[in-house]
Protein backbone atom coordinates (compact mmCIF):
# COMPACT_ATOMS: atom_id res chain seq x y z
CA UNK A 1 164.84 67.92 151.73
CA UNK A 2 161.52 68.36 150.09
CA UNK A 3 159.01 65.58 149.85
CA UNK A 4 155.83 65.36 147.85
CA UNK A 5 153.05 62.86 147.63
CA UNK A 6 150.59 62.41 144.80
CA UNK A 7 146.99 61.32 145.34
CA UNK A 8 145.24 60.99 141.98
CA UNK A 9 141.75 60.04 140.90
CA UNK A 10 142.92 57.50 138.38
CA UNK A 11 146.20 55.80 137.76
CA UNK A 12 148.54 58.72 137.10
CA UNK A 13 151.83 57.40 138.40
CA UNK A 14 153.82 55.42 135.87
CA UNK A 15 150.94 54.26 133.71
CA UNK A 16 153.39 52.89 131.21
CA UNK A 17 154.52 50.35 133.76
CA UNK A 18 151.09 48.78 133.82
CA UNK A 19 150.87 48.67 130.05
CA UNK A 20 154.30 47.14 129.51
CA UNK A 21 154.31 45.14 132.75
CA UNK A 22 151.16 43.37 133.86
CA UNK A 23 149.35 43.60 130.53
CA UNK A 24 152.27 42.41 128.50
CA UNK A 25 153.11 39.71 130.99
CA UNK A 26 149.56 38.43 130.88
CA UNK A 27 149.72 38.29 127.08
CA UNK A 28 153.04 36.40 127.07
CA UNK A 29 155.28 39.42 126.45
CA UNK A 30 158.71 38.29 125.25
CA UNK A 31 160.26 41.61 124.22
CA UNK A 32 163.10 43.51 125.90
CA UNK A 33 162.71 43.65 129.68
CA UNK A 34 163.10 47.36 130.35
CA UNK A 35 164.21 48.89 133.64
CA UNK A 36 162.36 52.02 134.71
CA UNK A 37 163.75 54.42 137.33
CA UNK A 38 161.47 56.95 139.01
CA UNK A 39 161.28 59.15 142.10
CA UNK A 40 158.32 61.12 143.36
CA UNK A 41 160.40 64.29 143.53
CA UNK A 42 163.99 63.81 142.32
CA UNK A 43 165.54 66.64 144.32
CA UNK A 44 168.21 66.40 147.03
CA UNK A 45 169.36 69.14 149.41
CA UNK A 46 173.15 69.01 149.48
CA UNK A 47 173.32 69.98 153.15
CA UNK A 48 170.87 67.31 154.34
CA UNK A 49 171.29 63.56 154.66
CA UNK A 50 167.63 62.75 154.02
CA UNK A 51 167.57 59.95 151.43
CA UNK A 52 165.74 60.17 148.11
CA UNK A 53 164.01 56.88 147.36
CA UNK A 54 164.31 55.65 143.78
CA UNK A 55 161.82 53.11 142.47
CA UNK A 56 163.09 50.34 140.18
CA UNK A 57 160.46 48.63 138.02
CA UNK A 58 160.83 45.96 135.35
CA UNK A 59 158.59 45.40 132.36
CA UNK A 60 158.02 41.83 133.54
CA UNK A 61 159.12 39.62 136.41
CA UNK A 62 162.04 37.24 135.93
CA UNK A 63 162.16 33.58 136.81
CA UNK A 64 165.35 34.06 138.85
CA UNK A 65 166.71 36.70 141.23
CA UNK A 66 168.07 39.70 139.32
CA UNK A 67 170.82 41.94 140.74
CA UNK A 68 171.24 45.43 139.27
CA UNK A 69 174.19 47.64 140.14
CA UNK A 70 173.26 51.28 139.59
CA UNK A 71 175.73 54.16 139.51
CA UNK A 72 175.96 57.94 139.42
CA UNK A 73 177.22 58.63 135.93
CA UNK A 74 178.59 62.18 136.29
CA UNK A 75 179.67 62.69 139.90
CA UNK A 76 183.45 63.06 139.90
CA UNK A 77 183.43 64.98 143.20
CA UNK A 78 181.25 62.35 144.91
CA UNK A 79 178.52 64.79 145.87
CA UNK A 80 176.09 61.87 146.20
CA UNK A 81 176.16 58.20 147.13
CA UNK A 82 173.79 55.30 146.56
CA UNK A 83 172.51 53.14 149.40
CA UNK A 84 170.83 49.71 149.26
CA UNK A 85 172.69 49.26 145.97
CA UNK A 86 173.23 46.84 144.20
CA UNK A 87 169.52 46.11 144.07
CA UNK A 88 168.24 42.53 144.05
CA UNK A 89 164.78 41.93 142.61
CA UNK A 90 163.53 38.50 143.74
CA UNK A 91 162.26 35.94 141.26
CA UNK A 92 158.61 36.61 140.43
CA UNK A 93 158.82 40.27 141.45
CA UNK A 94 159.11 43.36 139.25
CA UNK A 95 160.11 46.13 141.63
CA UNK A 96 162.58 47.27 144.27
CA UNK A 97 164.05 50.51 145.62
CA UNK A 98 167.35 52.12 146.48
CA UNK A 99 168.32 55.49 147.93
CA UNK A 100 170.30 58.53 146.81
CA UNK A 101 171.95 60.42 149.69
CA UNK A 102 174.01 63.59 149.82
CA UNK A 103 177.56 63.29 151.16
CA UNK A 104 177.04 66.82 152.57
CA UNK A 105 180.30 68.14 151.16
CA UNK A 106 178.77 71.57 150.47
CA UNK A 107 180.78 72.01 147.27
CA UNK A 108 178.00 73.21 144.98
CA UNK A 109 177.23 76.86 144.32
CA UNK A 110 174.22 76.33 142.03
CA UNK A 111 171.57 73.71 141.28
CA UNK A 112 173.27 70.74 139.61
CA UNK A 113 171.83 67.69 137.85
CA UNK A 114 173.25 64.19 138.29
CA UNK A 115 172.38 61.13 136.21
CA UNK A 116 171.55 57.79 137.83
CA UNK A 117 171.99 54.87 135.45
CA UNK A 118 173.50 51.43 134.93
CA UNK A 119 176.36 50.26 132.71
CA UNK A 120 176.07 46.48 132.74
CA UNK A 121 173.07 44.18 132.71
CA UNK A 122 172.68 40.67 134.15
CA UNK A 123 170.73 39.50 131.09
CA UNK A 124 171.15 40.21 127.38
CA UNK A 125 167.41 40.84 126.95
CA UNK A 126 167.40 43.78 129.36
CA UNK A 127 167.96 47.55 129.02
CA UNK A 128 167.47 50.81 130.92
CA UNK A 129 164.52 52.79 129.61
CA UNK A 130 166.12 56.11 130.69
CA UNK A 131 168.52 57.39 133.30
CA UNK A 132 167.07 59.32 136.25
CA UNK A 133 168.06 62.97 136.60
CA UNK A 134 168.43 64.09 140.22
CA UNK A 135 168.69 67.79 141.00
CA UNK A 136 170.94 68.69 143.92
CA UNK A 137 170.34 72.05 145.55
CA UNK A 138 173.24 73.80 147.31
CA UNK A 139 173.03 75.34 150.75
CA UNK A 140 170.77 78.39 150.30
CA UNK A 141 172.35 81.71 151.17
CA UNK A 142 170.48 83.58 153.90
CA UNK A 143 170.72 87.34 153.32
CA UNK A 144 172.32 89.34 156.11
CA UNK A 145 170.31 92.25 157.46
CA UNK A 146 171.61 95.74 156.93
CA UNK A 147 171.84 98.17 159.84
CA UNK A 148 168.82 100.01 158.45
CA UNK A 149 166.80 96.79 158.40
CA UNK A 150 167.80 95.98 161.98
CA UNK A 151 166.57 99.41 163.05
CA UNK A 152 163.24 98.80 161.32
CA UNK A 153 162.83 95.46 163.09
CA UNK A 154 163.49 97.06 166.48
CA UNK A 155 160.93 99.70 165.59
CA UNK A 156 158.30 97.05 164.85
CA UNK A 157 158.96 95.53 168.28
CA UNK A 158 158.27 98.86 169.96
CA UNK A 159 155.37 99.93 167.76
CA UNK A 160 153.51 96.65 167.25
CA UNK A 161 154.96 94.26 169.84
CA UNK A 162 156.10 91.79 167.18
CA UNK A 163 159.50 90.22 166.58
CA UNK A 164 160.11 89.61 162.89
CA UNK A 165 163.45 87.92 163.49
CA UNK A 166 161.51 84.71 164.19
CA UNK A 167 160.38 84.77 160.56
CA UNK A 168 163.67 85.55 158.87
CA UNK A 169 165.99 82.87 157.53
CA UNK A 170 164.93 79.31 156.68
CA UNK A 171 161.27 78.74 157.56
CA UNK A 172 159.60 75.32 157.28
CA UNK A 173 156.50 75.01 155.11
CA UNK A 174 153.85 72.48 154.16
CA UNK A 175 152.19 73.23 150.82
CA UNK A 176 149.17 71.50 149.35
CA UNK A 177 148.20 72.01 145.70
CA UNK A 178 144.91 70.76 144.26
CA UNK A 179 144.60 70.60 140.48
CA UNK A 180 141.29 70.10 138.62
CA UNK A 181 140.88 67.85 135.60
CA UNK A 182 142.00 69.24 132.26
CA UNK A 183 141.14 68.21 128.71
CA UNK A 184 144.37 69.63 127.28
CA UNK A 185 147.34 67.48 128.33
CA UNK A 186 147.67 63.96 129.80
CA UNK A 187 149.65 65.05 132.94
CA UNK A 188 146.66 67.21 133.98
CA UNK A 189 143.88 64.97 132.69
CA UNK A 190 142.71 63.77 136.10
CA UNK A 191 142.26 65.80 139.30
CA UNK A 192 145.20 65.38 141.66
CA UNK A 193 146.69 66.70 144.86
CA UNK A 194 150.38 67.22 145.47
CA UNK A 195 151.92 68.04 148.82
CA UNK A 196 155.35 69.54 149.43
CA UNK A 197 157.48 69.97 152.55
CA UNK A 198 160.58 72.12 152.64
CA UNK A 199 162.02 75.47 153.65
CA UNK A 200 161.62 78.97 152.27
CA UNK A 201 164.32 81.58 152.79
CA UNK A 202 162.66 84.79 154.03
CA UNK A 203 164.18 88.22 154.60
CA UNK A 204 162.98 91.76 155.26
CA UNK A 205 162.09 93.45 151.98
CA UNK A 206 163.61 96.72 150.81
CA UNK A 207 159.99 97.85 150.45
CA UNK A 208 159.60 97.97 154.24
CA UNK A 209 158.93 101.29 155.94
CA UNK A 210 158.68 102.36 159.58
CA UNK A 211 154.93 101.84 159.39
CA UNK A 212 154.72 98.80 157.12
CA UNK A 213 156.71 95.57 157.55
CA UNK A 214 157.22 93.82 154.20
CA UNK A 215 158.75 90.37 153.74
CA UNK A 216 160.51 88.86 150.75
CA UNK A 217 160.76 85.13 150.00
CA UNK A 218 164.10 84.82 148.23
CA UNK A 219 164.11 81.05 147.72
CA UNK A 220 161.23 78.60 147.13
CA UNK A 221 158.35 81.04 147.77
CA UNK A 222 155.15 79.38 148.99
CA UNK A 223 156.86 76.00 148.48
CA UNK A 224 155.86 76.08 144.81
CA UNK A 225 159.20 76.02 142.98
CA UNK A 226 159.24 72.28 142.32
CA UNK A 227 155.59 72.19 141.29
CA UNK A 228 155.82 75.08 138.85
CA UNK A 229 159.09 73.74 137.42
CA UNK A 230 157.28 70.44 136.79
CA UNK A 231 154.33 72.23 135.14
CA UNK A 232 156.72 74.20 132.95
CA UNK A 233 158.48 71.03 131.76
CA UNK A 234 155.19 69.27 131.03
CA UNK A 235 153.93 72.21 128.95
CA UNK A 236 157.16 72.63 126.97
CA UNK A 237 160.01 70.16 126.46
CA UNK A 238 158.09 67.19 127.91
CA UNK A 239 154.92 68.08 126.01
CA UNK A 240 154.85 65.04 123.72
CA UNK A 241 151.30 65.93 122.67
CA UNK A 242 152.10 69.22 120.92
CA UNK A 243 155.85 69.92 120.88
CA UNK A 244 156.91 66.86 118.88
CA UNK A 245 155.78 65.02 115.75
CA UNK A 246 154.86 66.00 112.21
CA UNK A 247 152.11 68.42 113.28
CA UNK A 248 154.21 70.30 115.85
CA UNK A 249 154.97 73.96 115.19
CA UNK A 250 158.50 74.38 113.82
CA UNK A 251 159.00 77.01 116.50
CA UNK A 252 159.35 74.31 119.16
CA UNK A 253 162.21 72.53 117.42
CA UNK A 254 163.85 75.87 116.60
CA UNK A 255 163.86 77.16 120.16
CA UNK A 256 165.00 73.83 121.62
CA UNK A 257 167.90 73.64 119.18
CA UNK A 258 168.82 77.30 119.65
CA UNK A 259 168.92 77.06 123.46
CA UNK A 260 169.95 73.39 123.76
CA UNK A 261 166.77 73.14 125.81
CA UNK A 262 165.35 69.61 125.83
CA UNK A 263 164.37 66.65 127.99
CA UNK A 264 168.00 65.85 128.72
CA UNK A 265 168.82 69.49 129.49
CA UNK A 266 165.72 71.06 131.07
CA UNK A 267 167.52 74.03 132.60
CA UNK A 268 167.37 75.35 136.15
CA UNK A 269 164.35 77.14 137.58
CA UNK A 270 164.20 79.31 140.69
CA UNK A 271 161.66 81.77 142.06
CA UNK A 272 161.31 84.61 144.55
CA UNK A 273 158.38 86.67 145.85
CA UNK A 274 158.60 90.24 147.15
CA UNK A 275 155.99 92.62 148.52
CA UNK A 276 154.49 90.42 151.26
CA UNK A 277 152.92 93.15 153.40
CA UNK A 278 151.87 92.78 157.04
CA UNK A 279 148.78 94.89 157.72
CA UNK A 280 146.23 95.38 160.53
CA UNK A 281 148.79 94.34 163.15
CA UNK A 282 147.05 93.90 166.49
CA UNK A 283 147.38 91.60 169.50
CA UNK A 284 150.08 89.47 167.91
CA UNK A 285 148.27 88.83 164.63
CA UNK A 286 148.21 90.47 161.21
CA UNK A 287 146.70 90.05 157.79
CA UNK A 288 149.21 89.34 155.05
CA UNK A 289 148.71 90.94 151.64
CA UNK A 290 150.82 89.26 148.96
CA UNK A 291 149.15 90.58 145.78
CA UNK A 292 150.02 93.78 143.93
CA UNK A 293 147.58 96.68 143.84
CA UNK A 294 144.89 95.89 141.28
CA UNK A 295 144.95 98.02 138.14
CA UNK A 296 141.85 98.28 135.91
CA UNK A 297 142.04 96.08 132.81
CA UNK A 298 145.28 94.49 134.02
CA UNK A 299 145.35 90.86 135.11
CA UNK A 300 146.33 90.47 138.79
CA UNK A 301 148.72 87.58 139.41
CA UNK A 302 151.00 86.56 142.24
CA UNK A 303 154.19 88.56 141.51
CA UNK A 304 156.64 85.66 141.45
CA UNK A 305 159.98 86.49 139.89
CA UNK A 306 161.20 83.57 137.77
CA UNK A 307 164.83 82.86 136.91
CA UNK A 308 164.96 80.15 134.25
CA UNK A 309 168.27 79.42 132.55
CA UNK A 310 166.89 78.81 129.00
CA UNK A 311 164.98 82.10 129.21
CA UNK A 312 168.07 83.93 130.45
CA UNK A 313 169.92 82.62 127.40
CA UNK A 314 167.08 83.59 125.07
CA UNK A 315 167.09 87.15 126.48
CA UNK A 316 170.84 87.32 125.88
CA UNK A 317 170.38 86.19 122.28
CA UNK A 318 167.60 88.75 121.79
CA UNK A 319 169.99 91.52 122.83
CA UNK A 320 172.55 90.14 120.37
CA UNK A 321 170.00 90.29 117.55
CA UNK A 322 169.33 86.58 117.02
CA UNK A 323 166.21 86.51 114.82
CA UNK A 324 164.78 83.21 116.10
CA UNK A 325 165.10 84.40 119.70
CA UNK A 326 163.45 87.69 118.76
CA UNK A 327 160.60 86.08 116.80
CA UNK A 328 159.79 83.74 119.70
CA UNK A 329 160.16 86.27 122.51
CA UNK A 330 156.41 86.43 123.15
CA UNK A 331 155.17 83.58 120.93
CA UNK A 332 154.28 80.02 121.82
CA UNK A 333 157.60 78.22 122.08
CA UNK A 334 159.30 80.99 124.03
CA UNK A 335 161.36 79.93 127.03
CA UNK A 336 159.76 82.67 129.13
CA UNK A 337 158.07 80.94 132.10
CA UNK A 338 155.54 83.75 132.36
CA UNK A 339 154.12 82.67 128.98
CA UNK A 340 152.96 79.38 130.51
CA UNK A 341 152.48 80.06 134.23
CA UNK A 342 149.65 82.12 135.78
CA UNK A 343 147.34 82.58 132.83
CA UNK A 344 144.32 84.01 134.71
CA UNK A 345 143.49 86.65 137.28
CA UNK A 346 143.89 85.39 140.86
CA UNK A 347 142.17 88.27 142.68
CA UNK A 348 138.77 87.75 141.05
CA UNK A 349 137.00 84.67 139.72
CA UNK A 350 137.85 85.13 136.07
CA UNK A 351 137.15 81.49 135.10
CA UNK A 352 133.80 81.09 136.93
CA UNK A 353 134.06 77.30 136.91
CA UNK A 354 133.82 76.59 140.63
CA UNK A 355 137.57 76.26 141.23
CA UNK A 356 138.22 79.78 142.60
CA UNK A 357 138.85 80.71 146.24
CA UNK A 358 139.79 84.19 147.48
CA UNK A 359 143.41 84.97 148.37
CA UNK A 360 143.97 85.11 152.13
CA UNK A 361 147.12 85.49 154.21
CA UNK A 362 147.42 85.56 158.00
CA UNK A 363 150.22 85.51 160.56
CA UNK A 364 149.89 84.63 164.24
CA UNK A 365 153.03 85.56 166.14
CA UNK A 366 151.85 83.81 169.31
CA UNK A 367 151.03 80.53 167.56
CA UNK A 368 154.12 80.97 165.34
CA UNK A 369 152.14 80.24 162.22
CA UNK A 370 151.96 81.98 158.82
CA UNK A 371 149.25 80.74 156.46
CA UNK A 372 148.15 81.44 152.89
CA UNK A 373 145.38 80.30 150.60
CA UNK A 374 145.19 81.34 146.96
CA UNK A 375 144.63 80.12 143.42
CA UNK A 376 146.68 80.18 140.22
CA UNK A 377 146.59 78.40 136.90
CA UNK A 378 148.73 77.69 133.85
CA UNK A 379 148.33 77.43 130.09
CA UNK A 380 146.99 73.86 130.03
CA UNK A 381 145.12 73.89 133.35
CA UNK A 382 141.49 72.84 133.48
CA UNK A 383 140.69 75.56 136.01
CA UNK A 384 142.33 77.19 138.99
CA UNK A 385 144.87 75.26 141.05
CA UNK A 386 144.19 75.77 144.75
CA UNK A 387 147.13 76.25 147.11
CA UNK A 388 147.15 76.09 150.90
CA UNK A 389 150.46 76.94 152.54
CA UNK A 390 151.38 76.71 156.23
CA UNK A 391 154.64 78.08 157.60
CA UNK A 392 155.56 77.22 161.18
CA UNK A 393 158.38 78.22 163.51
CA UNK A 394 159.14 75.34 165.86
């Protein structure tokens, strides 16, 4: 199961809790006592029993112990269970936690969202601010090697003295992303660092030749899927600054209605990355080139392939001749992730604001370590995001 931690210069995590908790309590707040549910990264791997911790926070502390019985609202097959539930918040306190755990039934075939909520309240003056959506990921399918690929791998052993089988399948990563301050949207207003731990599924690419080993990351490349999915939500359906209200472009409401794409139905987002070339192989090490060949006057970006369910639906509607889908194919409001993600060249310092670092990839077969450093940005970024990724075989 992936984990991520947020270290922010400024209070970024749940700022609304401070404003409707401590501040209101200090001023004698007597309104509805709201219950807030949050998780640092609400994703569960169906095949793993690692618990997801859910934070429970009240607007204000109560004078007596409060017991809250949470439930999974749409889990008929009992894919998940709750632990440390019901939750008791002691008198004078405003917070507690419980856990969401997979029952490891391995019934899912695609990413599935489950809602965590509550049906009854111990006090009349109490309500749930919003249910928590937890994404459950099924067991990733590891591609089987063809006979031709097996022959190539044996050839690399003879020619270069390297065994690529160590790097095929599920490979553990640690990814660190540093984001600079941005003046455009509140989620990116302050510099922050996010760290992710998980597994990438790697196979031998069809681009491989007898001379050149090429890898393909077929699931969660560079450990960035969750981060880029979060960025995409914040710049579109969770973009309260520009996508909603009387001054919002009508295109936003049109595309959300057309695709049923909204905060309650954010869609599923997956990524892959092909063309990861191992070069200069010598003495158990190699450089790793993961960028496409630069073309004059063409922006060089990391060639992630995005599969985003609202965009897949929009493309289908475009083929069927739907005018709204056609009009917004390349306009602001489109569901195309590429419209929002990777806005600047990553091979050269296009922004010249001090946030760039050159792309570097290395593999050490003896140390069993594969490392990357690179930059990328997005539509509302205040500069390049810096990524450092370490894969290790243990």
